[in-house]
Structure formats: structure tokens, C-alpha cells
C-alpha atoms as a PDB file:
ATOM      1  CA  UNK A   1       6.471   5.474   6.728  1.00  0.00           C
ATOM      2  CA  UNK A   2       9.114   2.792   5.829  1.00  0.00           C
ATOM      3  CA  UNK A   3       6.155   0.225   5.154  1.00  0.00           C
ATOM      4  CA  UNK A   4       5.141   2.051   2.139  1.00  0.00           C
ATOM      5  CA  UNK A   5       8.402   0.846   0.463  1.00  0.00           C
ATOM      6  CA  UNK A   6       7.037  -2.567   0.073  1.00  0.00           C
ATOM      7  CA  UNK A   7       3.663  -1.897  -1.758  1.00  0.00           C
ATOM      8  CA  UNK A   8       4.827  -2.304  -5.028  1.00  0.00           C
ATOM      9  CA  UNK A   9       6.955  -5.426  -4.534  1.00  0.00           C
ATOM     10  CA  UNK A  10       5.608  -8.954  -5.578  1.00  0.00           C
ATOM     11  CA  UNK A  11       6.078 -11.528  -3.067  1.00  0.00           C
ATOM     12  CA  UNK A  12       5.239 -14.231  -5.661  1.00  0.00           C
ATOM     13  CA  UNK A  13       7.938 -12.865  -7.770  1.00  0.00           C
ATOM     14  CA  UNK A  14      10.460 -12.901  -4.940  1.00  0.00           C
ATOM     15  CA  UNK A  15       9.628 -16.500  -4.152  1.00  0.00           C
ATOM     16  CA  UNK A  16      10.021 -17.525  -7.741  1.00  0.00           C
ATOM     17  CA  UNK A  17      13.621 -16.033  -7.705  1.00  0.00           C
ATOM     18  CA  UNK A  18      13.192 -13.003  -9.819  1.00  0.00           C
ATOM     19  CA  UNK A  19      16.591 -11.085  -9.663  1.00  0.00           C
ATOM     20  CA  UNK A  20      15.035  -8.003 -10.831  1.00  0.00           C
ATOM     21  CA  UNK A  21      12.331  -7.974  -8.079  1.00  0.00           C
ATOM     22  CA  UNK A  22      15.060  -8.918  -5.465  1.00  0.00           C
ATOM     23  CA  UNK A  23      17.089  -5.931  -6.647  1.00  0.00           C
ATOM     24  CA  UNK A  24      14.014  -3.581  -5.988  1.00  0.00           C
ATOM     25  CA  UNK A  25      13.630  -5.250  -2.433  1.00  0.00           C
ATOM     26  CA  UNK A  26      17.255  -4.140  -2.096  1.00  0.00           C
ATOM     27  CA  UNK A  27      17.069  -0.693  -3.632  1.00  0.00           C
ATOM     28  CA  UNK A  28      13.862  -0.060  -1.263  1.00  0.00           C
ATOM     29  CA  UNK A  29      15.406  -1.540   1.917  1.00  0.00           C
ATOM     30  CA  UNK A  30      19.293  -0.721   1.873  1.00  0.00           C
ATOM     31  CA  UNK A  31      19.094   2.621   3.531  1.00  0.00           C
ATOM     32  CA  UNK A  32      16.915   1.605   6.431  1.00  0.00           C
ATOM     33  CA  UNK A  33      18.715  -1.635   7.175  1.00  0.00           C
ATOM     34  CA  UNK A  34      22.053   0.069   7.042  1.00  0.00           C
ATOM     35  CA  UNK A  35      20.858   2.907   9.444  1.00  0.00           C
ATOM     36  CA  UNK A  36      19.596   0.207  11.897  1.00  0.00           C
ATOM     37  CA  UNK A  37      22.824  -1.650  11.578  1.00  0.00           C
ATOM     38  CA  UNK A  38      24.603   1.628  12.212  1.00  0.00           C
ATOM     39  CA  UNK A  39      22.560   2.664  15.365  1.00  0.00           C
ATOM     40  CA  UNK A  40      22.856  -0.867  16.813  1.00  0.00           C
ATOM     41  CA  UNK A  41      26.618  -1.301  16.316  1.00  0.00           C
ATOM     42  CA  UNK A  42      27.790   2.189  16.087  1.00  0.00           C
ATOM     43  CA  UNK A  43      30.363   1.685  13.232  1.00  0.00           C
ATOM     44  CA  UNK A  44      29.955   1.981   9.370  1.00  0.00           C
ATOM     45  CA  UNK A  45      31.865  -0.955   8.754  1.00  0.00           C
ATOM     46  CA  UNK A  46      29.759  -3.328  11.086  1.00  0.00           C
ATOM     47  CA  UNK A  47      26.408  -1.785   9.500  1.00  0.00           C
ATOM     48  CA  UNK A  48      27.842  -2.337   6.080  1.00  0.00           C
ATOM     49  CA  UNK A  49      28.234  -6.002   7.140  1.00  0.00           C
ATOM     50  CA  UNK A  50      24.901  -6.091   8.463  1.00  0.00           C
ATOM     51  CA  UNK A  51      23.301  -4.876   5.315  1.00  0.00           C
ATOM     52  CA  UNK A  52      25.428  -7.254   3.171  1.00  0.00           C
ATOM     53  CA  UNK A  53      24.707 -10.365   5.177  1.00  0.00           C
ATOM     54  CA  UNK A  54      20.955  -9.450   5.701  1.00  0.00           C
ATOM     55  CA  UNK A  55      20.293  -9.484   1.934  1.00  0.00           C
ATOM     56  CA  UNK A  56      22.806 -12.640   1.418  1.00  0.00           C
ATOM     57  CA  UNK A  57      20.588 -14.405   3.824  1.00  0.00           C
ATOM     58  CA  UNK A  58      17.292 -13.294   2.419  1.00  0.00           C
ATOM     59  CA  UNK A  59      18.278 -14.199  -1.024  1.00  0.00           C
ATOM     60  CA  UNK A  60      19.401 -17.596   0.145  1.00  0.00           C
ATOM     61  CA  UNK A  61      15.997 -18.225   1.964  1.00  0.00           C
ATOM     62  CA  UNK A  62      13.347 -16.554  -0.086  1.00  0.00           C
ATOM     63  CA  UNK A  63      11.997 -19.766  -1.505  1.00  0.00           C
ATOM     64  CA  UNK A  64      11.308 -20.943   1.992  1.00  0.00           C
ATOM     65  CA  UNK A  65       9.583 -17.590   2.908  1.00  0.00           C
ATOM     66  CA  UNK A  66       6.112 -18.745   3.980  1.00  0.00           C
ATOM     67  CA  UNK A  67       4.295 -15.357   4.420  1.00  0.00           C
ATOM     68  CA  UNK A  68       3.468 -15.638   7.986  1.00  0.00           C
ATOM     69  CA  UNK A  69       4.927 -12.340   8.518  1.00  0.00           C
ATOM     70  CA  UNK A  70       5.392  -9.311   6.247  1.00  0.00           C
ATOM     71  CA  UNK A  71       8.420  -9.149   4.037  1.00  0.00           C
ATOM     72  CA  UNK A  72       9.390  -6.077   6.130  1.00  0.00           C
ATOM     73  CA  UNK A  73       9.339  -8.014   9.386  1.00  0.00           C
ATOM     74  CA  UNK A  74      11.253 -10.876   8.025  1.00  0.00           C
ATOM     75  CA  UNK A  75      14.080  -8.737   6.654  1.00  0.00           C
ATOM     76  CA  UNK A  76      14.293  -6.587  10.131  1.00  0.00           C
ATOM     77  CA  UNK A  77      14.305  -9.848  11.904  1.00  0.00           C
ATOM     78  CA  UNK A  78      17.383 -10.881   9.772  1.00  0.00           C
ATOM     79  CA  UNK A  79      19.117  -7.719  10.201  1.00  0.00           C
ATOM     80  CA  UNK A  80      18.549  -7.596  13.815  1.00  0.00           C
ATOM     81  CA  UNK A  81      20.096 -11.198  14.257  1.00  0.00           C
ATOM     82  CA  UNK A  82      22.983 -10.265  12.068  1.00  0.00           C
ATOM     83  CA  UNK A  83      23.668  -7.246  14.165  1.00  0.00           C
ATOM     84  CA  UNK A  84      23.500  -9.372  17.273  1.00  0.00           C
ATOM     85  CA  UNK A  85      25.920 -11.937  15.908  1.00  0.00           C
ATOM     86  CA  UNK A  86      28.508  -9.211  15.528  1.00  0.00           C
ATOM     87  CA  UNK A  87      27.635  -7.884  19.099  1.00  0.00           C
ATOM     88  CA  UNK A  88      28.244 -11.346  20.601  1.00  0.00           C
ATOM     89  CA  UNK A  89      31.611 -11.591  19.202  1.00  0.00           C
ATOM     90  CA  UNK A  90      32.854  -9.203  21.526  1.00  0.00           C
ATOM     91  CA  UNK A  91      30.359  -9.687  24.349  1.00  0.00           C
ATOM     92  CA  UNK A  92      28.818 -13.209  24.301  1.00  0.00           C
ATOM     93  CA  UNK A  93      26.227 -12.285  26.968  1.00  0.00           C
ATOM     94  CA  UNK A  94      24.434 -10.010  24.551  1.00  0.00           C
ATOM     95  CA  UNK A  95      20.814 -10.909  24.115  1.00  0.00           C
ATOM     96  CA  UNK A  96      17.467  -9.103  23.213  1.00  0.00           C
ATOM     97  CA  UNK A  97      15.520 -12.060  25.026  1.00  0.00           C
ATOM     98  CA  UNK A  98      15.705 -10.569  28.309  1.00  0.00           C
ATOM     99  CA  UNK A  99      12.708 -11.871  30.090  1.00  0.00           C
ATOM    100  CA  UNK A 100      13.698 -10.353  33.443  1.00  0.00           C
ATOM    101  CA  UNK A 101       9.748  -9.869  34.359  1.00  0.00           C
ATOM    102  CA  UNK A 102       9.844  -6.093  34.528  1.00  0.00           C
ATOM    103  CA  UNK A 103       6.584  -4.376  34.011  1.00  0.00           C
ATOM    104  CA  UNK A 104       5.487  -0.861  34.039  1.00  0.00           C
ATOM    105  CA  UNK A 105       5.377  -1.036  38.081  1.00  0.00           C
ATOM    106  CA  UNK A 106       9.117  -2.000  37.967  1.00  0.00           C
ATOM    107  CA  UNK A 107      10.421   0.786  35.972  1.00  0.00           C
ATOM    108  CA  UNK A 108      12.614   3.298  37.423  1.00  0.00           C
ATOM    109  CA  UNK A 109      11.746   6.914  36.469  1.00  0.00           C
ATOM    110  CA  UNK A 110      14.439   9.574  35.685  1.00  0.00           C
ATOM    111  CA  UNK A 111      15.464  11.814  38.302  1.00  0.00           C
ATOM    112  CA  UNK A 112      16.148  14.902  36.113  1.00  0.00           C
ATOM    113  CA  UNK A 113      14.059  16.473  33.451  1.00  0.00           C
ATOM    114  CA  UNK A 114      14.978  19.582  31.458  1.00  0.00           C
ATOM    115  CA  UNK A 115      12.196  21.813  30.008  1.00  0.00           C
ATOM    116  CA  UNK A 116      13.052  21.251  26.502  1.00  0.00           C
ATOM    117  CA  UNK A 117      10.204  23.715  25.723  1.00  0.00           C
ATOM    118  CA  UNK A 118      12.761  26.510  26.330  1.00  0.00           C
ATOM    119  CA  UNK A 119      15.067  25.202  23.555  1.00  0.00           C
ATOM    120  CA  UNK A 120      14.571  26.388  19.979  1.00  0.00           C
ATOM    121  CA  UNK A 121      13.447  23.620  17.635  1.00  0.00           C
ATOM    122  CA  UNK A 122      16.619  24.097  15.447  1.00  0.00           C
ATOM    123  CA  UNK A 123      18.759  23.197  18.688  1.00  0.00           C
ATOM    124  CA  UNK A 124      17.013  19.768  19.150  1.00  0.00           C
ATOM    125  CA  UNK A 125      17.161  19.072  15.216  1.00  0.00           C
ATOM    126  CA  UNK A 126      20.721  20.198  14.911  1.00  0.00           C
ATOM    127  CA  UNK A 127      23.597  17.952  14.050  1.00  0.00           C
ATOM    128  CA  UNK A 128      24.878  18.201  17.568  1.00  0.00           C
ATOM    129  CA  UNK A 129      21.518  17.394  18.988  1.00  0.00           C
ATOM    130  CA  UNK A 130      21.207  14.178  16.752  1.00  0.00           C
ATOM    131  CA  UNK A 131      24.818  13.243  17.573  1.00  0.00           C
ATOM    132  CA  UNK A 132      23.836  13.450  21.450  1.00  0.00           C
ATOM    133  CA  UNK A 133      20.707  11.214  20.655  1.00  0.00           C
ATOM    134  CA  UNK A 134      22.727   8.752  18.675  1.00  0.00           C
ATOM    135  CA  UNK A 135      25.300   8.501  21.795  1.00  0.00           C
ATOM    136  CA  UNK A 136      22.409   8.072  24.205  1.00  0.00           C
ATOM    137  CA  UNK A 137      21.023   5.279  21.989  1.00  0.00           C
ATOM    138  CA  UNK A 138      24.086   3.497  22.184  1.00  0.00           C
ATOM    139  CA  UNK A 139      24.234   3.454  25.878  1.00  0.00           C
ATOM    140  CA  UNK A 140      20.859   1.662  26.020  1.00  0.00           C
ATOM    141  CA  UNK A 141      20.949  -2.121  27.023  1.00  0.00           C
ATOM    142  CA  UNK A 142      20.662  -3.917  23.846  1.00  0.00           C
ATOM    143  CA  UNK A 143      17.032  -5.280  24.488  1.00  0.00           C
ATOM    144  CA  UNK A 144      15.866  -1.621  24.799  1.00  0.00           C
ATOM    145  CA  UNK A 145      18.050  -0.173  22.107  1.00  0.00           C
ATOM    146  CA  UNK A 146      16.509  -2.912  19.574  1.00  0.00           C
ATOM    147  CA  UNK A 147      12.912  -2.140  20.337  1.00  0.00           C
ATOM    148  CA  UNK A 148      13.561   1.641  20.342  1.00  0.00           C
ATOM    149  CA  UNK A 149      15.111   1.540  16.856  1.00  0.00           C
ATOM    150  CA  UNK A 150      12.508  -0.490  15.345  1.00  0.00           C
ATOM    151  CA  UNK A 151       9.534   1.219  16.674  1.00  0.00           C
ATOM    152  CA  UNK A 152      10.662   4.836  17.206  1.00  0.00           C
ATOM    153  CA  UNK A 153      13.415   5.129  14.204  1.00  0.00           C
ATOM    154  CA  UNK A 154      12.409   2.518  11.781  1.00  0.00           C
ATOM    155  CA  UNK A 155       8.733   3.258  12.595  1.00  0.00           C
ATOM    156  CA  UNK A 156       7.413  -0.325  12.824  1.00  0.00           C
ATOM    157  CA  UNK A 157       4.018  -1.003  14.503  1.00  0.00           C
ATOM    158  CA  UNK A 158       3.861  -2.335  18.030  1.00  0.00           C
ATOM    159  CA  UNK A 159       2.864  -5.574  16.272  1.00  0.00           C
ATOM    160  CA  UNK A 160       5.741  -5.888  13.603  1.00  0.00           C
ATOM    161  CA  UNK A 161       8.226  -4.922  16.308  1.00  0.00           C
ATOM    162  CA  UNK A 162       7.009  -7.799  18.641  1.00  0.00           C
ATOM    163  CA  UNK A 163       7.136 -10.301  15.476  1.00  0.00           C
ATOM    164  CA  UNK A 164      10.434  -9.053  14.645  1.00  0.00           C
ATOM    165  CA  UNK A 165      12.037  -9.713  17.907  1.00  0.00           C
ATOM    166  CA  UNK A 166       9.804 -12.670  18.821  1.00  0.00           C
ATOM    167  CA  UNK A 167       8.457 -11.285  22.026  1.00  0.00           C
ATOM    168  CA  UNK A 168       4.936  -9.979  23.079  1.00  0.00           C
ATOM    169  CA  UNK A 169       3.417  -6.698  22.210  1.00  0.00           C
ATOM    170  CA  UNK A 170       3.310  -5.851  26.136  1.00  0.00           C
ATOM    171  CA  UNK A 171       6.887  -6.549  26.230  1.00  0.00           C
ATOM    172  CA  UNK A 172       7.590  -4.358  23.179  1.00  0.00           C
ATOM    173  CA  UNK A 173       5.658  -1.540  24.947  1.00  0.00           C
ATOM    174  CA  UNK A 174       7.305  -1.779  28.344  1.00  0.00           C
ATOM    175  CA  UNK A 175      10.798  -1.890  26.830  1.00  0.00           C
ATOM    176  CA  UNK A 176       9.902   1.128  24.507  1.00  0.00           C
ATOM    177  CA  UNK A 177       8.712   3.009  27.665  1.00  0.00           C
ATOM    178  CA  UNK A 178      11.971   2.084  29.702  1.00  0.00           C
ATOM    179  CA  UNK A 179      14.067   3.099  26.594  1.00  0.00           C
ATOM    180  CA  UNK A 180      12.239   6.496  25.895  1.00  0.00           C
ATOM    181  CA  UNK A 181      12.658   7.409  29.789  1.00  0.00           C
ATOM    182  CA  UNK A 182      16.165   6.411  29.943  1.00  0.00           C
ATOM    183  CA  UNK A 183      17.099   8.528  26.486  1.00  0.00           C
ATOM    184  CA  UNK A 184      14.813  11.411  28.063  1.00  0.00           C
ATOM    185  CA  UNK A 185      17.074  11.444  31.236  1.00  0.00           C
ATOM    186  CA  UNK A 186      20.389  11.075  29.330  1.00  0.00           C
ATOM    187  CA  UNK A 187      19.557  13.938  27.047  1.00  0.00           C
ATOM    188  CA  UNK A 188      18.095  16.006  30.048  1.00  0.00           C
ATOM    189  CA  UNK A 189      21.677  16.087  31.327  1.00  0.00           C
ATOM    190  CA  UNK A 190      23.146  16.962  28.074  1.00  0.00           C
ATOM    191  CA  UNK A 191      20.760  19.913  27.365  1.00  0.00           C
ATOM    192  CA  UNK A 192      20.796  20.971  31.134  1.00  0.00           C
ATOM    193  CA  UNK A 193      24.458  21.322  30.864  1.00  0.00           C
ATOM    194  CA  UNK A 194      23.928  23.295  27.650  1.00  0.00           C
ATOM    195  CA  UNK A 195      21.325  25.828  28.904  1.00  0.00           C
ATOM    196  CA  UNK A 196      23.482  26.254  32.227  1.00  0.00           C
ATOM    197  CA  UNK A 197      26.513  27.203  30.132  1.00  0.00           C
ATOM    198  CA  UNK A 198      24.394  29.695  27.924  1.00  0.00           C
ATOM    199  CA  UNK A 199      23.048  31.327  31.229  1.00  0.00           C
ATOM    200  CA  UNK A 200      26.539  31.719  32.515  1.00  0.00           C
ATOM    201  CA  UNK A 201      27.691  33.077  29.162  1.00  0.00           C
ATOM    202  CA  UNK A 202      25.098  35.508  29.112  1.00  0.00           C
END
């Protein structure tokens, strides 16, 4: 779990401006923050910008960190905001504050499901399979994509995801369900085509 990375880092030392402790924080979180930026934005350059700007902002505001949330939540909130600022440069309408009042009763359920049990595990975990998942994630609306990445990819808790995004836990659950259903439908089409090709070639 990514939360375990923070266990041996001293909050007091970070607040006091200890550069060595901050360097440990950077070492611990560079990889997950980079991956979050890459999956939110889709390019290595943008992910590197998110990574750099996240820690520059954290360093600037460490002394004012009040500890109302965990350092983990605080860092991810900065990273998400940095990623959204990059997205807004090209699409000013981008927002994760989508309060469209949708709930479980409003969710449109996918129309096609492929029986993935029929696929070998190495097919699901192959490089091509992961690329298909990444492409499907990129097609999600930003508010759903961000919740999915924080909860299912970065493995934040529902509570920490809600705190990071400034939304309620119930909204996290609804958006997560919508994201998972959308991804499952997208990947069902992908694997459905793969299985049909294999049958026709067989």
C-alpha cells in the first residue's frame, strides 16, 4: 500500500524545514505522483511537470501545513490540482467539481459485457492489456478518472480520496462505480474483438 511509504517520515521535521527529511519524502512519493500525472494527462512531459510542481509547491507551503489531513492526502491534492491546471490550459471547462446530482439510480449500466473468465490471466496482465486499460482510463471524464486513479490505482481509501478532492465519501463511491462500469464496458469491447478474432482465426 502506498500509505506505508510515509510511516518513517517525520511531520515535525518536515514542518521545521529539514531538507534531508523532505528529500526522503520526494524519494518516497516521486514514482506514485509521476504515475498519477501520467495517467491523468497522458504524456510524460506533463507528468514530469506535475511531479516537479507538486514538490515545489509542497516545499513552499510546508511550514503552513496544519496536519488536518495526512501528508499523503495533502500531496495528492497538490498533484491533482497541478494536473487540472495543465488540463485547463487547453480545455477551460475541465473540472472535478462535477456536482451533477447523479446517484446510483441515475447510473447508466453498460450494454456489453465479455466473460473475462474465458481469457487467460497473462492476457489480462499483458503489456497490450495494460495499454488498453490506460487508453480506456484516458477516455473517462476528468471527475471520474481522478476518483478511479486515486482509489483503484493509487490505492487511497475512500476517506482519503474524498479529502483529496474535497467531495463527500458518497460522491466518491458513486463516481468510482460509474468509472468502473464505464471502463468495464470499454474493455469488454476490446476483449470481445480479440476473442472474436481468435475464434475466426481458429
